[in-house]
Amino acid sequence: MGGVLPEGLRADVEVLWRYHDMGHAVRRCDVAIGLGSHDLGVATYAAELYHQGMAPLIVFTGANAPTTVERFPRGEAVHYREHALALGVPDEAILVEPKATNTGQNIALTRRLLEDRKIEVRSALVISRPYQQRRAYATAKKVWPELEVVCASRPLPLDDYVRGIGDADRVINMLVGDTQRVWVYAERGFAIAQEVPAEVLGAYERLVAAGFTSRLVDGDRGLG
């Protein structure tokens, strides 16, 4: 499939893409939290926001997942830090949390790291890949409910994002998986509950039927 989105899937993929965009206006916060993933654009955007004065400190958080270990063998957060340094972010403005293996741990371990360093935080720019925004928000509000959360991702059109990743199949699978996690993780107590419109559920179900199932949580394929 390469880096081009098939036209027959476009409408459903666009529905999920729009759903995961929280639509938050980026503003200055106490810290930027870059959530580790296969997408190095998270670190790129964190560096851009730092240079724009949107946060005085960046925390990169993430160990490895099966989808990232080959690309980032030393860990997601470590590679993100190196990328941000190359983009001119000073070393003293970056903290690394290298142990988290899921979004809940990203938030919980970042909170602990900041508390251990006596850094008071009331607001955070939570920077993620675009289709992780909704899950990141729901998780952060569950794990750190008093935190003011502003979700942020590189402002790329869908086709540009897919082209940049170079693998439309991977992007669609991740989109489908993150959509499912909206209700599964709320049911399991990992995140706050969020509305899933019928249009979103329909697009999700059609993409599952089309075979995009590699990122699904086992045993939980639908709201019913």
C-alpha atoms as a PDB file:
ATOM      1  CA  MET A   1       0.000   0.000   0.000  1.00  0.00           C
ATOM      2  CA  GLY A   2       2.969   2.300   0.542  1.00  0.00           C
ATOM      3  CA  GLY A   3       2.489   5.920   1.485  1.00  0.00           C
ATOM      4  CA  VAL A   4      -0.699   6.516  -0.507  1.00  0.00           C
ATOM      5  CA  LEU A   5      -4.185   6.172   0.947  1.00  0.00           C
ATOM      6  CA  PRO A   6      -6.457   4.001  -1.235  1.00  0.00           C
ATOM      7  CA  GLU A   7      -9.458   5.953  -2.511  1.00  0.00           C
ATOM      8  CA  GLY A   8     -11.874   3.180  -1.541  1.00  0.00           C
ATOM      9  CA  LEU A   9     -10.919   3.582   2.124  1.00  0.00           C
ATOM     10  CA  ARG A  10     -10.510   7.321   2.231  1.00  0.00           C
ATOM     11  CA  ALA A  11     -13.946   8.343   3.516  1.00  0.00           C
ATOM     12  CA  ASP A  12     -13.853   6.017   6.518  1.00  0.00           C
ATOM     13  CA  VAL A  13     -10.236   6.817   7.336  1.00  0.00           C
ATOM     14  CA  GLU A  14     -11.026  10.547   7.237  1.00  0.00           C
ATOM     15  CA  VAL A  15     -13.931  10.044   9.669  1.00  0.00           C
ATOM     16  CA  LEU A  16     -11.613   8.424  12.224  1.00  0.00           C
ATOM     17  CA  TRP A  17      -8.864  10.982  11.566  1.00  0.00           C
ATOM     18  CA  ARG A  18     -11.238  13.877  12.339  1.00  0.00           C
ATOM     19  CA  TYR A  19     -12.644  12.131  15.414  1.00  0.00           C
ATOM     20  CA  HIS A  20      -9.264  11.816  17.071  1.00  0.00           C
ATOM     21  CA  ASP A  21      -8.407  15.498  16.597  1.00  0.00           C
ATOM     22  CA  MET A  22      -9.481  17.169  19.849  1.00  0.00           C
ATOM     23  CA  GLY A  23      -9.374  20.583  18.205  1.00  0.00           C
ATOM     24  CA  HIS A  24      -7.514  22.222  21.086  1.00  0.00           C
ATOM     25  CA  ALA A  25      -5.907  25.608  20.510  1.00  0.00           C
ATOM     26  CA  VAL A  26      -2.215  25.398  21.336  1.00  0.00           C
ATOM     27  CA  ARG A  27      -1.269  27.752  24.181  1.00  0.00           C
ATOM     28  CA  ARG A  28       1.583  28.196  26.615  1.00  0.00           C
ATOM     29  CA  CYS A  29       1.693  25.513  29.318  1.00  0.00           C
ATOM     30  CA  ASP A  30       3.983  24.596  32.194  1.00  0.00           C
ATOM     31  CA  VAL A  31       5.436  21.602  30.370  1.00  0.00           C
ATOM     32  CA  ALA A  32       5.272  19.765  27.052  1.00  0.00           C
ATOM     33  CA  ILE A  33       4.913  15.992  27.259  1.00  0.00           C
ATOM     34  CA  GLY A  34       5.973  14.121  24.111  1.00  0.00           C
ATOM     35  CA  LEU A  35       4.396  10.670  23.993  1.00  0.00           C
ATOM     36  CA  GLY A  36       6.660   8.035  22.500  1.00  0.00           C
ATOM     37  CA  SER A  37       5.581   6.128  19.383  1.00  0.00           C
ATOM     38  CA  HIS A  38       6.907   5.219  15.940  1.00  0.00           C
ATOM     39  CA  ASP A  39       6.285   8.828  14.838  1.00  0.00           C
ATOM     40  CA  LEU A  40       9.380  11.029  15.156  1.00  0.00           C
ATOM     41  CA  GLY A  41       7.158  13.973  14.219  1.00  0.00           C
ATOM     42  CA  VAL A  42       6.144  14.117  17.883  1.00  0.00           C
ATOM     43  CA  ALA A  43       9.671  15.184  18.790  1.00  0.00           C
ATOM     44  CA  THR A  44       9.827  17.544  15.814  1.00  0.00           C
ATOM     45  CA  TYR A  45       6.657  19.321  16.907  1.00  0.00           C
ATOM     46  CA  ALA A  46       7.749  19.407  20.552  1.00  0.00           C
ATOM     47  CA  ALA A  47      10.912  21.214  19.455  1.00  0.00           C
ATOM     48  CA  GLU A  48       8.883  23.654  17.334  1.00  0.00           C
ATOM     49  CA  LEU A  49       6.576  24.469  20.244  1.00  0.00           C
ATOM     50  CA  TYR A  50       9.548  24.923  22.564  1.00  0.00           C
ATOM     51  CA  HIS A  51      11.112  27.422  20.168  1.00  0.00           C
ATOM     52  CA  GLN A  52       7.768  29.218  19.952  1.00  0.00           C
ATOM     53  CA  GLY A  53       7.814  29.665  23.733  1.00  0.00           C
ATOM     54  CA  MET A  54       4.863  27.373  24.343  1.00  0.00           C
ATOM     55  CA  ALA A  55       6.595  25.428  27.140  1.00  0.00           C
ATOM     56  CA  PRO A  56       9.845  25.948  29.056  1.00  0.00           C
ATOM     57  CA  LEU A  57      10.414  22.217  29.527  1.00  0.00           C
ATOM     58  CA  ILE A  58       9.858  19.059  27.478  1.00  0.00           C
ATOM     59  CA  VAL A  59       9.450  15.571  28.909  1.00  0.00           C
ATOM     60  CA  PHE A  60       9.850  12.777  26.382  1.00  0.00           C
ATOM     61  CA  THR A  61       8.321   9.540  27.639  1.00  0.00           C
ATOM     62  CA  GLY A  62       8.467   6.035  26.231  1.00  0.00           C
ATOM     63  CA  ALA A  63      10.420   2.782  26.256  1.00  0.00           C
ATOM     64  CA  ASN A  64       9.632   0.522  23.319  1.00  0.00           C
ATOM     65  CA  ALA A  65       6.717  -1.322  21.772  1.00  0.00           C
ATOM     66  CA  PRO A  66       6.781  -4.062  19.124  1.00  0.00           C
ATOM     67  CA  THR A  67       6.064  -1.358  16.530  1.00  0.00           C
ATOM     68  CA  THR A  68       9.018   0.844  17.562  1.00  0.00           C
ATOM     69  CA  VAL A  69      11.877  -1.361  18.737  1.00  0.00           C
ATOM     70  CA  GLU A  70      13.488  -1.650  15.304  1.00  0.00           C
ATOM     71  CA  ARG A  71      13.264   2.059  14.550  1.00  0.00           C
ATOM     72  CA  PHE A  72      14.217   3.273  18.033  1.00  0.00           C
ATOM     73  CA  PRO A  73      16.383   0.517  19.544  1.00  0.00           C
ATOM     74  CA  ARG A  74      17.538   2.681  22.477  1.00  0.00           C
ATOM     75  CA  GLY A  75      13.973   3.602  23.367  1.00  0.00           C
ATOM     76  CA  GLU A  76      11.463   6.099  22.027  1.00  0.00           C
ATOM     77  CA  ALA A  77      12.142   8.854  24.564  1.00  0.00           C
ATOM     78  CA  VAL A  78      15.911   8.599  24.110  1.00  0.00           C
ATOM     79  CA  HIS A  79      15.654   8.953  20.330  1.00  0.00           C
ATOM     80  CA  TYR A  80      13.131  11.791  20.696  1.00  0.00           C
ATOM     81  CA  ARG A  81      15.567  13.649  22.941  1.00  0.00           C
ATOM     82  CA  GLU A  82      18.394  13.227  20.441  1.00  0.00           C
ATOM     83  CA  HIS A  83      16.158  14.525  17.660  1.00  0.00           C
ATOM     84  CA  ALA A  84      15.092  17.562  19.697  1.00  0.00           C
ATOM     85  CA  LEU A  85      18.716  18.347  20.553  1.00  0.00           C
ATOM     86  CA  ALA A  86      19.541  18.239  16.847  1.00  0.00           C
ATOM     87  CA  LEU A  87      16.725  20.753  16.313  1.00  0.00           C
ATOM     88  CA  GLY A  88      18.281  23.186  18.762  1.00  0.00           C
ATOM     89  CA  VAL A  89      16.458  22.474  22.011  1.00  0.00           C
ATOM     90  CA  PRO A  90      18.958  22.882  24.873  1.00  0.00           C
ATOM     91  CA  ASP A  91      19.754  19.800  26.918  1.00  0.00           C
ATOM     92  CA  GLU A  92      18.654  21.467  30.158  1.00  0.00           C
ATOM     93  CA  ALA A  93      15.154  21.931  28.725  1.00  0.00           C
ATOM     94  CA  ILE A  94      14.615  18.174  28.192  1.00  0.00           C
ATOM     95  CA  LEU A  95      13.798  15.410  30.644  1.00  0.00           C
ATOM     96  CA  VAL A  96      13.558  11.756  29.630  1.00  0.00           C
ATOM     97  CA  GLU A  97      11.201   9.166  31.089  1.00  0.00           C
ATOM     98  CA  PRO A  98      12.451   5.906  29.506  1.00  0.00           C
ATOM     99  CA  LYS A  99      10.288   3.197  31.103  1.00  0.00           C
ATOM    100  CA  ALA A 100       6.667   3.759  30.027  1.00  0.00           C
ATOM    101  CA  THR A 101       5.191   1.107  27.741  1.00  0.00           C
ATOM    102  CA  ASN A 102       1.647   2.463  27.437  1.00  0.00           C
ATOM    103  CA  THR A 103      -0.158   5.799  27.552  1.00  0.00           C
ATOM    104  CA  GLY A 104      -1.219   5.428  31.182  1.00  0.00           C
ATOM    105  CA  GLN A 105       2.391   4.879  32.193  1.00  0.00           C
ATOM    106  CA  ASN A 106       3.471   7.808  29.983  1.00  0.00           C
ATOM    107  CA  ILE A 107       1.331  10.117  32.098  1.00  0.00           C
ATOM    108  CA  ALA A 108       1.831   8.479  35.504  1.00  0.00           C
ATOM    109  CA  LEU A 109       5.619   8.155  35.238  1.00  0.00           C
ATOM    110  CA  THR A 110       5.973  11.667  33.835  1.00  0.00           C
ATOM    111  CA  ARG A 111       3.984  12.993  36.777  1.00  0.00           C
ATOM    112  CA  ARG A 112       6.246  11.101  39.190  1.00  0.00           C
ATOM    113  CA  LEU A 113       9.386  12.370  37.451  1.00  0.00           C
ATOM    114  CA  LEU A 114       8.235  15.973  37.721  1.00  0.00           C
ATOM    115  CA  GLU A 115       7.169  15.567  41.342  1.00  0.00           C
ATOM    116  CA  ASP A 116      10.520  13.975  42.225  1.00  0.00           C
ATOM    117  CA  ARG A 117      12.252  17.014  40.746  1.00  0.00           C
ATOM    118  CA  LYS A 118       9.929  19.394  42.635  1.00  0.00           C
ATOM    119  CA  ILE A 119       8.633  20.864  39.371  1.00  0.00           C
ATOM    120  CA  GLU A 120       5.125  22.203  39.872  1.00  0.00           C
ATOM    121  CA  VAL A 121       2.887  21.569  36.879  1.00  0.00           C
ATOM    122  CA  ARG A 122      -0.697  22.696  36.424  1.00  0.00           C
ATOM    123  CA  SER A 123      -0.955  22.559  32.636  1.00  0.00           C
ATOM    124  CA  ALA A 124       0.623  20.432  29.933  1.00  0.00           C
ATOM    125  CA  LEU A 125       0.846  20.330  26.176  1.00  0.00           C
ATOM    126  CA  VAL A 126       0.402  16.612  25.529  1.00  0.00           C
ATOM    127  CA  ILE A 127       2.024  16.021  22.149  1.00  0.00           C
ATOM    128  CA  SER A 128       1.190  12.840  20.293  1.00  0.00           C
ATOM    129  CA  ARG A 129       0.719  11.440  16.825  1.00  0.00           C
ATOM    130  CA  PRO A 130      -2.511  12.943  15.439  1.00  0.00           C
ATOM    131  CA  TYR A 131      -4.769   9.944  15.922  1.00  0.00           C
ATOM    132  CA  GLN A 132      -3.650   9.445  19.536  1.00  0.00           C
ATOM    133  CA  GLN A 133      -5.001  12.784  20.760  1.00  0.00           C
ATOM    134  CA  ARG A 134      -8.362  11.565  22.004  1.00  0.00           C
ATOM    135  CA  ARG A 135      -6.938   8.570  23.846  1.00  0.00           C
ATOM    136  CA  ALA A 136      -4.122  10.670  25.289  1.00  0.00           C
ATOM    137  CA  TYR A 137      -6.626  13.218  26.587  1.00  0.00           C
ATOM    138  CA  ALA A 138      -8.913  10.586  28.111  1.00  0.00           C
ATOM    139  CA  THR A 139      -5.984   8.809  29.735  1.00  0.00           C
ATOM    140  CA  ALA A 140      -4.426  11.976  31.143  1.00  0.00           C
ATOM    141  CA  LYS A 141      -7.746  13.081  32.662  1.00  0.00           C
ATOM    142  CA  LYS A 142      -8.088   9.686  34.327  1.00  0.00           C
ATOM    143  CA  VAL A 143      -4.517   9.393  35.607  1.00  0.00           C
ATOM    144  CA  TRP A 144      -3.905  13.086  36.419  1.00  0.00           C
ATOM    145  CA  PRO A 145      -7.402  14.606  36.648  1.00  0.00           C
ATOM    146  CA  GLU A 146      -6.376  18.015  37.977  1.00  0.00           C
ATOM    147  CA  LEU A 147      -3.980  18.625  35.085  1.00  0.00           C
ATOM    148  CA  GLU A 148      -5.079  21.090  32.409  1.00  0.00           C
ATOM    149  CA  VAL A 149      -4.494  19.139  29.204  1.00  0.00           C
ATOM    150  CA  VAL A 150      -3.960  20.725  25.797  1.00  0.00           C
ATOM    151  CA  CYS A 151      -3.590  18.116  23.060  1.00  0.00           C
ATOM    152  CA  ALA A 152      -1.221  18.925  20.212  1.00  0.00           C
ATOM    153  CA  SER A 153       0.054  17.185  17.084  1.00  0.00           C
ATOM    154  CA  ARG A 154       1.876  18.332  13.981  1.00  0.00           C
ATOM    155  CA  PRO A 155      -0.782  20.129  11.901  1.00  0.00           C
ATOM    156  CA  LEU A 156      -0.504  17.925   8.825  1.00  0.00           C
ATOM    157  CA  PRO A 157      -3.274  16.967   6.384  1.00  0.00           C
ATOM    158  CA  LEU A 158      -4.068  13.263   6.377  1.00  0.00           C
ATOM    159  CA  ASP A 159      -2.394  12.533   3.029  1.00  0.00           C
ATOM    160  CA  ASP A 160       0.766  14.376   4.048  1.00  0.00           C
ATOM    161  CA  TYR A 161       0.878  12.432   7.303  1.00  0.00           C
ATOM    162  CA  VAL A 162       0.468   9.077   5.546  1.00  0.00           C
ATOM    163  CA  ARG A 163       3.114  10.050   2.980  1.00  0.00           C
ATOM    164  CA  GLY A 164       5.509  11.045   5.773  1.00  0.00           C
ATOM    165  CA  ILE A 165       5.054   7.734   7.594  1.00  0.00           C
ATOM    166  CA  GLY A 166       5.400   5.925   4.275  1.00  0.00           C
ATOM    167  CA  ASP A 167       3.004   3.121   5.205  1.00  0.00           C
ATOM    168  CA  ALA A 168      -0.746   3.674   4.756  1.00  0.00           C
ATOM    169  CA  ASP A 169      -1.493   0.179   6.074  1.00  0.00           C
ATOM    170  CA  ARG A 170       0.222   0.951   9.356  1.00  0.00           C
ATOM    171  CA  VAL A 171      -1.553   4.285   9.738  1.00  0.00           C
ATOM    172  CA  ILE A 172      -4.982   2.760   9.118  1.00  0.00           C
ATOM    173  CA  ASN A 173      -4.336  -0.100  11.522  1.00  0.00           C
ATOM    174  CA  MET A 174      -3.206   2.338  14.203  1.00  0.00           C
ATOM    175  CA  LEU A 175      -6.240   4.574  13.601  1.00  0.00           C
ATOM    176  CA  VAL A 176      -8.577   1.603  13.955  1.00  0.00           C
ATOM    177  CA  GLY A 177      -6.796   0.399  17.083  1.00  0.00           C
ATOM    178  CA  ASP A 178      -6.880   3.810  18.746  1.00  0.00           C
ATOM    179  CA  THR A 179     -10.573   4.149  17.944  1.00  0.00           C
ATOM    180  CA  GLN A 180     -11.362   0.840  19.619  1.00  0.00           C
ATOM    181  CA  ARG A 181      -9.336   1.823  22.663  1.00  0.00           C
ATOM    182  CA  VAL A 182     -11.598   4.836  23.262  1.00  0.00           C
ATOM    183  CA  TRP A 183     -14.329   2.593  24.658  1.00  0.00           C
ATOM    184  CA  VAL A 184     -12.301  -0.455  25.673  1.00  0.00           C
ATOM    185  CA  TYR A 185      -9.937   1.525  27.890  1.00  0.00           C
ATOM    186  CA  ALA A 186     -12.816   3.465  29.445  1.00  0.00           C
ATOM    187  CA  GLU A 187     -14.558   0.165  30.265  1.00  0.00           C
ATOM    188  CA  ARG A 188     -11.352  -1.153  31.817  1.00  0.00           C
ATOM    189  CA  GLY A 189     -10.845   1.965  33.937  1.00  0.00           C
ATOM    190  CA  PHE A 190      -7.774   3.228  32.094  1.00  0.00           C
ATOM    191  CA  ALA A 191      -9.414   6.379  30.678  1.00  0.00           C
ATOM    192  CA  ILE A 192     -12.461   8.583  31.045  1.00  0.00           C
ATOM    193  CA  ALA A 193     -15.491   7.729  28.908  1.00  0.00           C
ATOM    194  CA  GLN A 194     -16.073   9.618  25.661  1.00  0.00           C
ATOM    195  CA  GLU A 195     -18.893   9.722  23.160  1.00  0.00           C
ATOM    196  CA  VAL A 196     -18.448   7.636  20.011  1.00  0.00           C
ATOM    197  CA  PRO A 197     -20.776   8.969  17.281  1.00  0.00           C
ATOM    198  CA  ALA A 198     -22.555   6.471  15.030  1.00  0.00           C
ATOM    199  CA  GLU A 199     -20.594   7.762  12.030  1.00  0.00           C
ATOM    200  CA  VAL A 200     -17.328   6.917  13.786  1.00  0.00           C
ATOM    201  CA  LEU A 201     -18.479   3.473  14.864  1.00  0.00           C
ATOM    202  CA  GLY A 202     -19.670   2.702  11.329  1.00  0.00           C
ATOM    203  CA  ALA A 203     -16.346   3.730   9.790  1.00  0.00           C
ATOM    204  CA  TYR A 204     -14.486   1.688  12.401  1.00  0.00           C
ATOM    205  CA  GLU A 205     -16.581  -1.421  11.749  1.00  0.00           C
ATOM    206  CA  ARG A 206     -16.122  -1.190   7.972  1.00  0.00           C
ATOM    207  CA  LEU A 207     -12.350  -0.875   8.314  1.00  0.00           C
ATOM    208  CA  VAL A 208     -12.268  -3.849  10.691  1.00  0.00           C
ATOM    209  CA  ALA A 209     -14.281  -5.837   8.143  1.00  0.00           C
ATOM    210  CA  ALA A 210     -11.735  -4.782   5.499  1.00  0.00           C
ATOM    211  CA  GLY A 211      -9.015  -6.494   7.517  1.00  0.00           C
ATOM    212  CA  PHE A 212      -7.429  -3.672   9.503  1.00  0.00           C
ATOM    213  CA  THR A 213      -7.248  -5.620  12.748  1.00  0.00           C
ATOM    214  CA  SER A 214      -3.556  -5.849  13.662  1.00  0.00           C
ATOM    215  CA  ARG A 215      -3.817  -3.211  16.409  1.00  0.00           C
ATOM    216  CA  LEU A 216      -7.103  -4.339  17.952  1.00  0.00           C
ATOM    217  CA  VAL A 217      -7.346  -5.278  21.609  1.00  0.00           C
ATOM    218  CA  ASP A 218      -8.131  -8.992  21.646  1.00  0.00           C
ATOM    219  CA  GLY A 219     -11.732  -9.866  22.240  1.00  0.00           C
ATOM    220  CA  ASP A 220     -13.130  -6.338  22.003  1.00  0.00           C
ATOM    221  CA  ARG A 221     -14.106  -5.397  18.463  1.00  0.00           C
ATOM    222  CA  GLY A 222     -17.207  -3.288  18.946  1.00  0.00           C
ATOM    223  CA  LEU A 223     -19.267  -1.237  21.357  1.00  0.00           C
ATOM    224  CA  GLY A 224     -21.915  -3.944  21.710  1.00  0.00           C
END
